[in-house]
Structure formats: C-alpha cells, structure tokens
Protein backbone atom coordinates (compact mmCIF):
# COMPACT_ATOMS: atom_id res chain seq x y z
CA UNK A 1 0.00 0.00 0.00
CA UNK A 2 1.38 3.40 -1.02
CA UNK A 3 1.21 5.46 2.18
CA UNK A 4 3.52 8.29 1.16
CA UNK A 5 2.50 11.70 2.39
CA UNK A 6 -0.52 13.27 0.73
CA UNK A 7 0.33 16.33 -1.35
CA UNK A 8 -1.57 19.56 -0.93
CA UNK A 9 -1.48 22.75 -2.94
CA UNK A 10 0.24 25.86 -1.62
CA UNK A 11 -1.89 28.76 -0.43
CA UNK A 12 -1.56 32.50 -0.26
CA UNK A 13 -0.22 33.51 3.18
CA UNK A 14 -3.12 34.54 5.42
CA UNK A 15 -1.58 37.96 6.05
CA UNK A 16 -1.72 38.68 2.32
CA UNK A 17 -4.97 37.04 1.29
CA UNK A 18 -7.11 38.93 3.81
CA UNK A 19 -6.23 42.05 1.82
CA UNK A 20 -7.32 40.75 -1.59
CA UNK A 21 -9.90 38.59 -3.37
CA UNK A 22 -7.43 36.43 -5.28
CA UNK A 23 -7.75 32.66 -5.05
CA UNK A 24 -6.52 31.23 -1.73
CA UNK A 25 -5.48 27.74 -2.89
CA UNK A 26 -2.95 28.05 -5.71
CA UNK A 27 -3.31 24.60 -7.27
CA UNK A 28 -0.88 21.81 -8.11
CA UNK A 29 2.16 22.14 -10.33
CA UNK A 30 2.67 19.31 -12.82
CA UNK A 31 5.34 17.81 -10.58
CA UNK A 32 3.18 17.88 -7.44
CA UNK A 33 0.22 16.49 -9.38
CA UNK A 34 2.25 13.53 -10.66
CA UNK A 35 3.66 12.88 -7.19
CA UNK A 36 0.16 12.78 -5.73
CA UNK A 37 -1.12 10.67 -8.63
CA UNK A 38 1.62 8.12 -7.91
CA UNK A 39 -0.06 7.39 -4.56
CA UNK A 40 -3.17 5.98 -6.25
CA UNK A 41 -3.40 2.19 -5.87
CA UNK A 42 -5.40 1.80 -9.10
CA UNK A 43 -7.87 -0.49 -7.36
CA UNK A 44 -9.57 -3.12 -9.55
CA UNK A 45 -12.90 -2.29 -7.92
CA UNK A 46 -12.51 1.42 -7.14
CA UNK A 47 -14.90 2.37 -4.37
CA UNK A 48 -13.93 6.02 -4.79
CA UNK A 49 -16.08 6.06 -7.95
CA UNK A 50 -19.05 4.97 -5.85
CA UNK A 51 -18.55 8.11 -3.78
CA UNK A 52 -18.70 10.40 -6.81
CA UNK A 53 -22.27 11.61 -7.45
CA UNK A 54 -21.58 11.92 -11.19
CA UNK A 55 -19.56 8.70 -11.52
CA UNK A 56 -16.17 9.96 -12.78
CA UNK A 57 -13.65 7.20 -13.59
CA UNK A 58 -11.29 8.48 -10.91
CA UNK A 59 -8.45 5.92 -11.16
CA UNK A 60 -8.30 6.31 -14.94
CA UNK A 61 -7.97 10.10 -14.95
CA UNK A 62 -5.40 9.94 -12.13
CA UNK A 63 -3.36 7.39 -14.09
CA UNK A 64 -3.38 9.71 -17.11
CA UNK A 65 -2.01 12.52 -14.93
CA UNK A 66 0.73 10.19 -13.68
CA UNK A 67 1.60 9.38 -17.30
CA UNK A 68 1.97 13.07 -18.08
CA UNK A 69 -1.26 13.29 -20.08
CA UNK A 70 -3.36 15.98 -18.32
CA UNK A 71 -5.30 16.81 -21.50
CA UNK A 72 -6.46 13.21 -21.78
CA UNK A 73 -7.20 13.20 -18.05
CA UNK A 74 -9.49 16.18 -18.55
CA UNK A 75 -11.22 14.46 -21.45
CA UNK A 76 -11.79 11.41 -19.25
CA UNK A 77 -13.29 13.59 -16.50
CA UNK A 78 -15.54 15.39 -18.98
CA UNK A 79 -17.12 12.13 -20.02
CA UNK A 80 -19.07 12.47 -16.77
CA UNK A 81 -18.46 15.95 -15.39
CA UNK A 82 -19.08 19.09 -17.44
CA UNK A 83 -17.74 21.45 -14.75
CA UNK A 84 -14.43 19.96 -13.52
CA UNK A 85 -12.64 23.24 -12.74
CA UNK A 86 -15.54 24.19 -10.49
CA UNK A 87 -15.88 20.81 -8.81
CA UNK A 88 -12.13 20.63 -8.21
CA UNK A 89 -12.49 23.78 -6.13
CA UNK A 90 -15.79 23.64 -4.26
CA UNK A 91 -16.98 20.02 -4.06
CA UNK A 92 -16.78 18.34 -0.62
CA UNK A 93 -14.55 15.50 -1.81
CA UNK A 94 -13.66 14.66 1.80
CA UNK A 95 -17.26 13.53 2.32
CA UNK A 96 -17.62 11.76 -1.03
CA UNK A 97 -14.96 10.19 -3.26
CA UNK A 98 -12.05 10.73 -0.86
CA UNK A 99 -14.06 9.31 2.02
CA UNK A 100 -14.38 6.05 0.06
CA UNK A 101 -10.69 5.94 -0.96
CA UNK A 102 -8.98 2.77 0.28
CA UNK A 103 -6.00 4.80 1.51
CA UNK A 104 -8.27 6.78 3.83
CA UNK A 105 -8.61 3.72 6.07
CA UNK A 106 -4.94 3.48 7.05
CA UNK A 107 -3.34 6.67 5.81
CA UNK A 108 -4.53 9.73 3.87
CA UNK A 109 -6.91 9.60 0.93
CA UNK A 110 -5.75 10.60 -2.54
CA UNK A 111 -6.25 14.33 -3.03
CA UNK A 112 -8.79 13.72 -5.77
CA UNK A 113 -10.23 17.24 -5.75
CA UNK A 114 -6.89 18.95 -6.29
CA UNK A 115 -5.99 16.47 -9.07
CA UNK A 116 -9.30 17.19 -10.81
CA UNK A 117 -8.62 20.91 -10.56
CA UNK A 118 -5.11 20.41 -11.96
CA UNK A 119 -6.41 18.54 -15.01
CA UNK A 120 -9.10 21.16 -15.60
CA UNK A 121 -6.80 24.15 -15.18
CA UNK A 122 -4.05 22.62 -17.31
CA UNK A 123 -6.55 21.71 -20.00
CA UNK A 124 -8.06 25.18 -20.06
CA UNK A 125 -4.65 26.71 -20.74
CA UNK A 126 -3.15 24.08 -23.05
CA UNK A 127 -5.92 22.05 -24.70
CA UNK A 128 -8.06 23.10 -27.67
CA UNK A 129 -11.77 22.45 -27.23
CA UNK A 130 -11.63 19.80 -29.94
CA UNK A 131 -9.57 17.48 -27.74
CA UNK A 132 -12.25 17.47 -25.09
CA UNK A 133 -15.09 17.15 -27.58
CA UNK A 134 -13.51 14.30 -29.53
CA UNK A 135 -12.97 12.26 -26.37
CA UNK A 136 -16.43 12.86 -24.91
CA UNK A 137 -18.65 9.82 -25.19
CA UNK A 138 -22.09 10.23 -26.71
CA UNK A 139 -24.81 9.75 -24.11
CA UNK A 140 -27.34 8.62 -26.69
CA UNK A 141 -26.98 6.78 -29.99
CA UNK A 142 -30.01 8.49 -31.50
CA UNK A 143 -29.67 11.77 -33.37
CA UNK A 144 -32.92 13.61 -32.61
CA UNK A 145 -32.18 16.43 -35.03
CA UNK A 146 -32.17 20.18 -34.47
CA UNK A 147 -35.96 20.48 -34.23
CA UNK A 148 -36.32 18.64 -30.91
CA UNK A 149 -36.17 21.57 -28.54
CA UNK A 150 -35.60 21.34 -24.79
CA UNK A 151 -35.83 24.29 -22.39
CA UNK A 152 -33.75 24.47 -19.22
CA UNK A 153 -34.70 27.09 -16.62
CA UNK A 154 -31.81 28.19 -14.39
CA UNK A 155 -28.10 28.18 -15.20
CA UNK A 156 -26.70 26.92 -11.91
CA UNK A 157 -24.89 23.57 -11.65
CA UNK A 158 -28.03 21.46 -12.23
CA UNK A 159 -29.15 23.48 -15.24
CA UNK A 160 -25.71 23.69 -16.84
CA UNK A 161 -25.15 19.95 -16.42
CA UNK A 162 -28.52 18.96 -17.84
CA UNK A 163 -28.11 21.37 -20.77
CA UNK A 164 -24.66 20.01 -21.61
CA UNK A 165 -25.70 16.36 -21.47
CA UNK A 166 -28.81 17.02 -23.55
CA UNK A 167 -26.70 18.87 -26.12
CA UNK A 168 -24.38 15.85 -26.30
CA UNK A 169 -27.48 13.80 -27.04
CA UNK A 170 -28.07 16.06 -30.06
CA UNK A 171 -31.03 17.99 -28.69
CA UNK A 172 -31.51 21.68 -29.38
CA UNK A 173 -31.15 23.14 -25.89
CA UNK A 174 -32.02 26.65 -24.77
CA UNK A 175 -31.06 27.64 -21.25
CA UNK A 176 -32.87 30.57 -19.62
CA UNK A 177 -31.23 32.61 -16.84
CA UNK A 178 -32.91 35.42 -14.89
CA UNK A 179 -29.72 37.37 -14.16
CA UNK A 180 -27.44 39.14 -16.62
CA UNK A 181 -24.71 36.48 -16.34
CA UNK A 182 -25.09 32.68 -16.43
CA UNK A 183 -23.81 30.47 -13.64
CA UNK A 184 -26.44 30.83 -10.93
CA UNK A 185 -25.06 30.24 -7.43
CA UNK A 186 -21.62 29.62 -8.94
CA UNK A 187 -21.59 33.23 -10.09
CA UNK A 188 -23.43 35.08 -7.33
CA UNK A 189 -23.08 32.86 -4.27
CA UNK A 190 -19.42 31.80 -3.98
CA UNK A 191 -16.70 34.42 -3.40
CA UNK A 192 -13.96 35.15 -5.90
CA UNK A 193 -11.22 33.87 -3.58
CA UNK A 194 -12.83 30.43 -3.49
CA UNK A 195 -14.18 30.24 -7.05
CA UNK A 196 -12.87 32.86 -9.50
CA UNK A 197 -15.57 34.10 -11.84
CA UNK A 198 -13.14 33.67 -14.74
CA UNK A 199 -13.30 29.92 -14.07
CA UNK A 200 -17.11 29.95 -14.10
CA UNK A 201 -17.13 31.87 -17.39
CA UNK A 202 -14.70 29.37 -18.95
CA UNK A 203 -16.88 26.44 -17.89
CA UNK A 204 -19.98 28.20 -19.23
CA UNK A 205 -18.18 28.83 -22.53
CA UNK A 206 -17.52 25.09 -22.77
CA UNK A 207 -21.26 24.46 -22.32
CA UNK A 208 -21.95 26.99 -25.08
CA UNK A 209 -19.42 25.27 -27.35
CA UNK A 210 -21.56 22.14 -27.16
CA UNK A 211 -24.33 24.10 -28.87
CA UNK A 212 -26.36 25.25 -25.86
CA UNK A 213 -28.12 28.57 -26.45
CA UNK A 214 -27.96 30.60 -23.21
CA UNK A 215 -30.41 33.47 -22.88
CA UNK A 216 -29.96 35.81 -19.91
CA UNK A 217 -32.34 38.38 -18.39
CA UNK A 218 -35.27 35.99 -18.80
CA UNK A 219 -37.26 35.56 -15.59
CA UNK A 220 -39.22 32.35 -15.97
CA UNK A 221 -42.67 32.75 -14.46
CA UNK A 222 -42.67 36.44 -15.41
CA UNK A 223 -40.89 37.05 -18.73
CA UNK A 224 -41.86 33.58 -19.92
CA UNK A 225 -44.24 31.02 -18.48
CA UNK A 226 -44.09 27.26 -18.83
CA UNK A 227 -47.06 27.46 -21.19
CA UNK A 228 -45.17 29.99 -23.31
CA UNK A 229 -42.27 27.58 -23.69
CA UNK A 230 -44.47 24.74 -24.92
CA UNK A 231 -46.22 27.12 -27.32
CA UNK A 232 -42.81 28.07 -28.69
CA UNK A 233 -42.16 24.45 -29.62
CA UNK A 234 -40.17 23.12 -26.69
CA UNK A 235 -40.95 19.43 -26.13
CA UNK A 236 -39.78 19.27 -22.51
CA UNK A 237 -38.77 21.67 -19.75
CA UNK A 238 -36.26 21.18 -16.94
CA UNK A 239 -36.65 23.45 -13.89
CA UNK A 240 -33.36 24.09 -12.09
CA UNK A 241 -34.04 27.37 -10.32
CA UNK A 242 -32.31 26.40 -7.09
CA UNK A 243 -32.78 27.55 -3.53
CA UNK A 244 -32.52 31.31 -3.67
CA UNK A 245 -35.00 32.37 -0.99
CA UNK A 246 -33.10 33.37 2.18
CA UNK A 247 -34.15 32.12 5.59
CA UNK A 248 -34.19 34.30 8.69
CA UNK A 249 -34.23 33.62 12.43
CA UNK A 250 -37.49 35.41 13.22
CA UNK A 251 -35.94 37.37 16.08
CA UNK A 252 -36.58 40.99 17.00
CA UNK A 253 -34.53 43.51 15.04
CA UNK A 254 -34.03 41.53 11.83
CA UNK A 255 -35.58 44.41 9.86
CA UNK A 256 -32.90 46.82 11.12
CA UNK A 257 -30.51 48.82 8.94
CA UNK A 258 -27.33 46.78 8.77
CA UNK A 259 -28.93 43.32 8.59
CA UNK A 260 -28.27 41.32 5.42
CA UNK A 261 -29.22 37.90 4.20
CA UNK A 262 -26.19 35.94 3.02
CA UNK A 263 -27.72 35.95 -0.47
CA UNK A 264 -27.88 39.72 -0.70
CA UNK A 265 -24.44 40.24 0.81
CA UNK A 266 -22.66 37.76 -1.47
CA UNK A 267 -24.60 38.86 -4.56
CA UNK A 268 -23.57 42.47 -3.96
CA UNK A 269 -19.96 41.40 -3.64
CA UNK A 270 -19.85 38.87 -6.48
CA UNK A 271 -22.12 40.25 -9.20
CA UNK A 272 -22.01 43.94 -8.32
CA UNK A 273 -18.26 43.96 -7.51
CA UNK A 274 -18.78 45.99 -4.34
CA UNK A 275 -15.29 45.05 -3.16
CA UNK A 276 -13.87 47.04 -6.09
CA UNK A 277 -15.42 50.35 -5.01
CA UNK A 278 -14.95 53.06 -6.30
CA UNK A 279 -14.02 51.30 -9.58
CA UNK A 280 -17.57 49.88 -9.43
CA UNK A 281 -20.02 52.34 -7.89
CA UNK A 282 -21.93 49.65 -5.98
CA UNK A 283 -20.53 49.63 -2.44
CA UNK A 284 -21.83 47.37 0.29
CA UNK A 285 -22.26 49.31 3.53
CA UNK A 286 -21.14 47.41 6.63
CA UNK A 287 -19.86 48.43 10.05
CA UNK A 288 -16.48 47.82 11.62
CA UNK A 289 -17.62 44.67 13.44
CA UNK A 290 -19.65 42.09 11.49
CA UNK A 291 -21.45 39.09 12.97
CA UNK A 292 -22.30 36.21 10.66
CA UNK A 293 -24.93 33.85 12.06
CA UNK A 294 -24.42 30.24 10.93
CA UNK A 295 -21.55 27.84 10.31
CA UNK A 296 -22.04 26.36 6.86
CA UNK A 297 -19.89 27.13 3.83
CA UNK A 298 -22.04 30.17 3.02
CA UNK A 299 -21.55 31.58 6.52
CA UNK A 300 -17.79 31.19 6.23
CA UNK A 301 -17.87 32.76 2.77
CA UNK A 302 -19.61 35.80 4.26
CA UNK A 303 -17.26 36.08 7.23
CA UNK A 304 -14.15 35.82 5.06
CA UNK A 305 -15.52 38.40 2.62
CA UNK A 306 -16.13 40.80 5.52
CA UNK A 307 -12.55 40.26 6.66
CA UNK A 308 -11.30 41.17 3.18
CA UNK A 309 -13.36 44.32 3.32
CA UNK A 310 -11.23 45.34 6.30
CA UNK A 311 -13.70 44.47 9.05
CA UNK A 312 -13.53 42.51 12.29
CA UNK A 313 -15.50 39.39 11.44
CA UNK A 314 -17.29 37.02 13.81
CA UNK A 315 -18.90 33.62 13.32
CA UNK A 316 -21.83 33.10 15.71
CA UNK A 317 -22.96 29.48 16.00
CA UNK A 318 -25.19 27.79 18.55
CA UNK A 319 -23.32 24.46 18.50
CA UNK A 320 -19.62 23.58 18.83
CA UNK A 321 -17.00 23.42 16.10
CA UNK A 322 -17.47 19.64 15.80
CA UNK A 323 -21.04 20.15 14.54
CA UNK A 324 -20.18 22.82 11.97
CA UNK A 325 -21.46 21.78 8.52
CA UNK A 326 -18.80 23.77 6.63
CA UNK A 327 -15.88 22.04 4.94
CA UNK A 328 -12.86 21.48 7.19
CA UNK A 329 -10.70 23.35 4.69
CA UNK A 330 -12.90 26.45 4.93
CA UNK A 331 -12.91 26.36 8.74
CA UNK A 332 -9.12 26.10 8.78
CA UNK A 333 -8.79 28.96 6.29
CA UNK A 334 -11.06 31.13 8.43
CA UNK A 335 -8.97 30.45 11.54
CA UNK A 336 -5.79 31.36 9.67
CA UNK A 337 -7.42 34.60 8.53
CA UNK A 338 -8.33 35.70 12.04
CA UNK A 339 -12.08 35.14 12.01
CA UNK A 340 -13.45 35.20 15.56
CA UNK A 341 -15.45 32.12 16.59
CA UNK A 342 -18.31 32.60 19.06
CA UNK A 343 -19.49 29.03 19.57
CA UNK A 344 -22.33 27.64 21.70
CA UNK A 345 -23.86 31.07 21.20
CA UNK A 346 -27.49 31.60 20.20
CA UNK A 347 -28.73 35.00 18.89
CA UNK A 348 -31.78 36.32 20.73
CA UNK A 349 -32.23 39.86 19.45
CA UNK A 350 -30.61 42.40 17.15
CA UNK A 351 -30.21 45.67 19.04
CA UNK A 352 -30.66 49.02 17.33
CA UNK A 353 -30.30 52.74 17.94
CA UNK A 354 -33.16 55.28 17.58
CA UNK A 355 -32.45 55.51 13.83
CA UNK A 356 -32.96 51.77 13.39
CA UNK A 357 -29.29 50.91 12.84
CA UNK A 358 -27.66 47.81 14.30
CA UNK A 359 -25.70 48.42 17.53
CA UNK A 360 -25.31 44.91 18.88
CA UNK A 361 -26.39 41.28 18.95
CA UNK A 362 -27.96 39.98 22.15
CA UNK A 363 -27.05 36.31 22.64
CA UNK A 364 -27.34 33.43 25.07
CA UNK A 365 -24.76 30.77 25.88
CA UNK A 366 -25.70 27.18 25.03
CA UNK A 367 -24.69 23.67 26.04
CA UNK A 368 -25.05 20.50 23.98
CA UNK A 369 -27.62 17.86 24.83
CA UNK A 370 -28.63 14.60 23.07
CA UNK A 371 -28.57 14.25 19.29
CA UNK A 372 -31.52 15.62 17.31
CA UNK A 373 -32.97 14.58 13.94
CA UNK A 374 -29.94 16.02 12.11
CA UNK A 375 -27.61 13.64 13.97
CA UNK A 376 -25.96 16.55 15.76
CA UNK A 377 -26.17 17.25 19.49
CA UNK A 378 -29.05 19.59 20.28
CA UNK A 379 -28.14 23.00 21.72
CA UNK A 380 -29.79 23.76 25.08
CA UNK A 381 -29.93 27.29 26.56
CA UNK A 382 -28.01 28.04 29.76
CA UNK A 383 -30.12 30.08 32.15
CA UNK A 384 -29.03 33.63 32.98
CA UNK A 385 -26.20 33.54 30.42
CA UNK A 386 -27.32 36.41 28.17
CA UNK A 387 -24.68 38.80 26.86
CA UNK A 388 -24.25 41.29 24.00
CA UNK A 389 -21.78 41.24 21.10
CA UNK A 390 -20.66 44.66 19.94
CA UNK A 391 -21.42 44.61 16.19
CA UNK A 392 -22.77 47.07 13.63
CA UNK A 393 -23.69 44.55 10.93
CA UNK A 394 -25.43 41.18 11.09
CA UNK A 395 -25.44 38.69 8.20
CA UNK A 396 -27.91 35.82 8.50
CA UNK A 397 -26.52 32.68 6.85
CA UNK A 398 -28.69 29.86 8.18
CA UNK A 399 -29.82 28.41 4.85
CA UNK A 400 -31.97 29.04 1.80
CA UNK A 401 -35.36 27.82 0.68
CA UNK A 402 -36.43 26.84 -2.84
CA UNK A 403 -37.16 29.64 -5.28
CA UNK A 404 -40.97 30.04 -5.16
CA UNK A 405 -41.50 32.07 -8.35
CA UNK A 406 -42.42 29.33 -10.83
CA UNK A 407 -44.81 27.42 -8.54
CA UNK A 408 -46.56 30.70 -7.75
CA UNK A 409 -46.80 31.57 -11.43
CA UNK A 410 -48.12 28.17 -12.50
CA UNK A 411 -50.51 26.58 -10.02
CA UNK A 412 -50.28 23.26 -11.86
CA UNK A 413 -46.83 22.76 -10.27
CA UNK A 414 -47.44 20.91 -7.03
CA UNK A 415 -45.09 21.61 -4.13
CA UNK A 416 -44.25 20.08 -0.77
CA UNK A 417 -44.76 21.85 2.57
CA UNK A 418 -41.19 23.15 2.51
CA UNK A 419 -41.69 24.75 -0.92
CA UNK A 420 -39.77 22.17 -2.92
CA UNK A 421 -41.36 21.06 -6.18
CA UNK A 422 -42.93 17.61 -6.08
CA UNK A 423 -41.42 15.16 -8.56
CA UNK A 424 -41.57 11.48 -9.32
CA UNK A 425 -38.41 10.20 -7.60
CA UNK A 426 -37.65 7.83 -10.45
CA UNK A 427 -38.18 10.18 -13.38
CA UNK A 428 -37.94 13.68 -11.83
CA UNK A 429 -41.13 14.61 -13.69
CA UNK A 430 -43.32 17.18 -11.97
CA UNK A 431 -47.10 17.27 -11.82
CA UNK A 432 -47.05 18.75 -15.35
CA UNK A 433 -46.39 16.26 -18.18
CA UNK A 434 -43.08 16.99 -19.91
CA UNK A 435 -41.86 19.28 -17.13
CA UNK A 436 -39.00 17.99 -14.98
CA UNK A 437 -37.22 19.48 -11.97
CA UNK A 438 -33.98 18.78 -10.12
CA UNK A 439 -31.33 20.15 -7.83
CA UNK A 440 -32.02 22.43 -4.88
CA UNK A 441 -35.53 23.21 -6.14
CA UNK A 442 -36.56 19.66 -5.17
CA UNK A 443 -34.15 18.95 -2.30
CA UNK A 444 -33.60 22.30 -0.63
CA UNK A 445 -30.10 23.77 -0.40
CA UNK A 446 -27.43 21.13 -1.11
CA UNK A 447 -23.97 20.83 -2.68
CA UNK A 448 -22.91 21.81 -6.19
CA UNK A 449 -22.08 18.21 -7.09
CA UNK A 450 -25.46 16.94 -5.85
CA UNK A 451 -27.18 19.44 -8.11
CA UNK A 452 -24.99 18.29 -11.00
CA UNK A 453 -25.96 14.68 -10.34
CA UNK A 454 -29.61 15.73 -10.53
CA UNK A 455 -28.92 17.49 -13.82
CA UNK A 456 -27.39 14.32 -15.28
CA UNK A 457 -30.33 12.20 -14.14
CA UNK A 458 -32.78 14.73 -15.56
CA UNK A 459 -31.07 14.63 -18.96
CA UNK A 460 -31.42 10.85 -19.10
CA UNK A 461 -35.07 10.94 -18.03
CA UNK A 462 -35.91 13.72 -20.50
CA UNK A 463 -34.29 11.66 -23.26
CA UNK A 464 -36.47 8.66 -22.28
CA UNK A 465 -39.56 10.87 -22.23
CA UNK A 466 -38.90 12.31 -25.69
CA UNK A 467 -38.37 8.84 -27.12
CA UNK A 468 -41.64 7.69 -25.58
CA UNK A 469 -43.51 10.48 -27.35
CA UNK A 470 -42.29 9.50 -30.83
C-alpha cells in the first residue's frame, strides 16, 4: 500500500490574502500532481467512484495525470463531469470520493479534488476544445435532429449539467437565466477567492461550445411562463431554479438597517463587484464589526468576505466546532485569517439605535444535549447567560429555501410543505407532463455536485420521455 505523504497545494499567506480577493489555494504544479497521482493504488474495484455523485472514472484520470497526459485526463473527466474546474475547487470530496478511498482507512486519501482541478486548469490553458469534444462519449446513440427543442430554466450547476448532457445527445437546448450572467449560485453565491468568476465563465463557454443557447435576463414565471415555452415548440422543460430564498431567524430587530441575508451580501460582492469600489459604484455598507450567524460554507464565505473588506469578522454558532457543517478546509482557512469564533452562542435579538441601525447582537450561551434529527447534538440554553456582542452589521446565513417564483406563477406545479417542487423520484417529472425538476428546487439547499448529479439524471429521463412520445 502506497502510504507516502498526501500532497496539498500551496496557499496565499493569510496575512496577504485577507487584503485581496485572489484565489486562496494556488493549485498543483505538474510535478506535485504527478507525485500525488503516484499514490493511487489503481484499485480493480474502485470504491472512490461509488462516492462520486456523477460517476467519474477516478483511477483512470489519475493514471493519465501520472503518465503526463493531463489533456487526456481532462477528457476522461468530462465524459461524466461538465464542470471539472468548479468541482475541483468547491466540491466536498472529503465527504464523497475521498471518504471512500482505500487509503483513507490506514493513511490519507488521494487528493482527488486537487488532481481534478489540476487537469481542468491545465486543460483550459493548453488544450483546444476539440480534444475534449472528440474524447467525450455520446450519451445517446439516436440523433434527434435540431428540431427537438428542450428548455432548461436556471443556469446553476443542475441546469448547466442537464443542458450540456442534452446537447451531447443532439437535442436543441435553450437555457434561460434570470440574471445578466449565467452560472447561478456559482456566479453570485461563492466568493472570488474560493471560485474565481473567470473559471465559471470558462466552464460556461464550454457548455456553449456544445451548442447550448444561453439566454440571460429571462425571468421564468414572469418574462416567460411554462405554457409559453411549450407554445414556442419546446418538447420538454427542466426546472433548475435552485434555492434562492433566504431564511431568517425570526428574532426581534431583523428588519434593522445593517442586517443582510447571506444571499444579498454575497450577490452584492460577487455580481455587483462591491469590493472594487470606487471602480464599481456599488458599495456594500457594513460596520467595523460584522457578525455572521451560521456555520455552513455560506456563513464562512460571508465572514471571510467581511474580513477582506477590512472588518472585524465574527462567526456566531449555537453548537460547537465539531457540529459545523462547513468544509474542514474552509474552517481552517477562516482560523488562519483571524475570524473570531463565538461558539455555543445563540442569537436572541438584534439591538438598534433610535435611527434603526444595528448596535449589537444579544445572545445566550448554550450547552449540547442529546442528538436531534440532524444527527448533531441539540443545543440547550443556559439560564441567565445572556450577553451582547458589539457589532454594527449582522449577516444571516442559516440556509436558503427553494425559489418560489415558478410554482406561484403556474398553479399546476405541485409543491411540498417546505416549498420544494414535487417530482416522481424515479423520473424527476413534476405534476405537469413533460416538465421535470432537479437540484435544490426539489431537495432544498445542497452541494454543487449533488445538483450536477440531478442534472445528469434529468437529462437521461428527458431523453427517455422524448423517445416515448415519438
């Protein structure tokens, strides 16, 4: 068993990166990538593949990297994954493919995520599109012709994946995006230092090169309805509008000046370039001390953005560090960058001055009790433990709910109590014939790779549906 030390990519020093929005992790060099690839055991029955939601042939692409063939490695990845440069950066490999890696049992798992990123980044710089296209397997042996039109609503990871796979099946795919740039949560919800927007644009350009027609500034449910799409000749529709409705705590003071949802805060920074003020005249107004409520990846994104805006940044979380849902890598990065952790701390009220501006966050100390339905220990209040954090801005990052616009616009779309769209679990078809849905709109907020897996499944099921209508 090859138990040599796992390689990791170098990072910007924390003292430098808190002053800029450049990428933190710098990626593998060719030499480091090959050294890490040499650790792979090339298992005959690779369980790491079972841990990949989109089924990448992990040992094969790693072997190609070892052989000095990163372009071919990228082509192998793109047989299953249309967004490898994104997944190599933001997917929770430690909970998926790397968790299954045989080496993880007695040593350290192969750094699959960083190897995927290396292949994608190397390929973007050195490989013509034709290499990737020529090596990509057809997902269907039937050429449906240019007149079989499929509409995809939402250009996040689920929508982009479904559109790409359907295009490979020779469908005429039009993807509708409500914002002025495609990419969905990849574009507006993840900071530049974790996922550069240049990378998202390059991945989107690859999707376009497959023949997908992307139309921005189209708000489905308003600009176009589902009925409109069918009248325009589309034979099926895939809804991938995600979970863009922010959740709040319901505590006193949440309407105060200086309270943001994570969605608004990150969108202002990512799409409106508020961090580049005055170059872009769209500043985001925050105080000197910023409290971010929550401990998922989005919460850490917000806290680390605030730090880069020159503020004192606090994470406020009602459980302990062990229960934090964020990736270990992001928690470690936040610690290095000087983010303050206020754990076992539950917000009770947002305090304001007479003008309605935030002046503090009233909290209560907690202790952990038995496990709850989430499998984490339940936080229990400690009596007479109230105290106040001195902050001028509060960002609520406790999750998002499914986008409600389409179900409200078309009452034929049945939803569950939590606002997710009801689908047949086997086919992903909604209550409207020919209309499918997948990703966060049916599961609630989840990972990028889970949404991509839903997009792949939807493409297959739409293909089956179209064939059944012939």
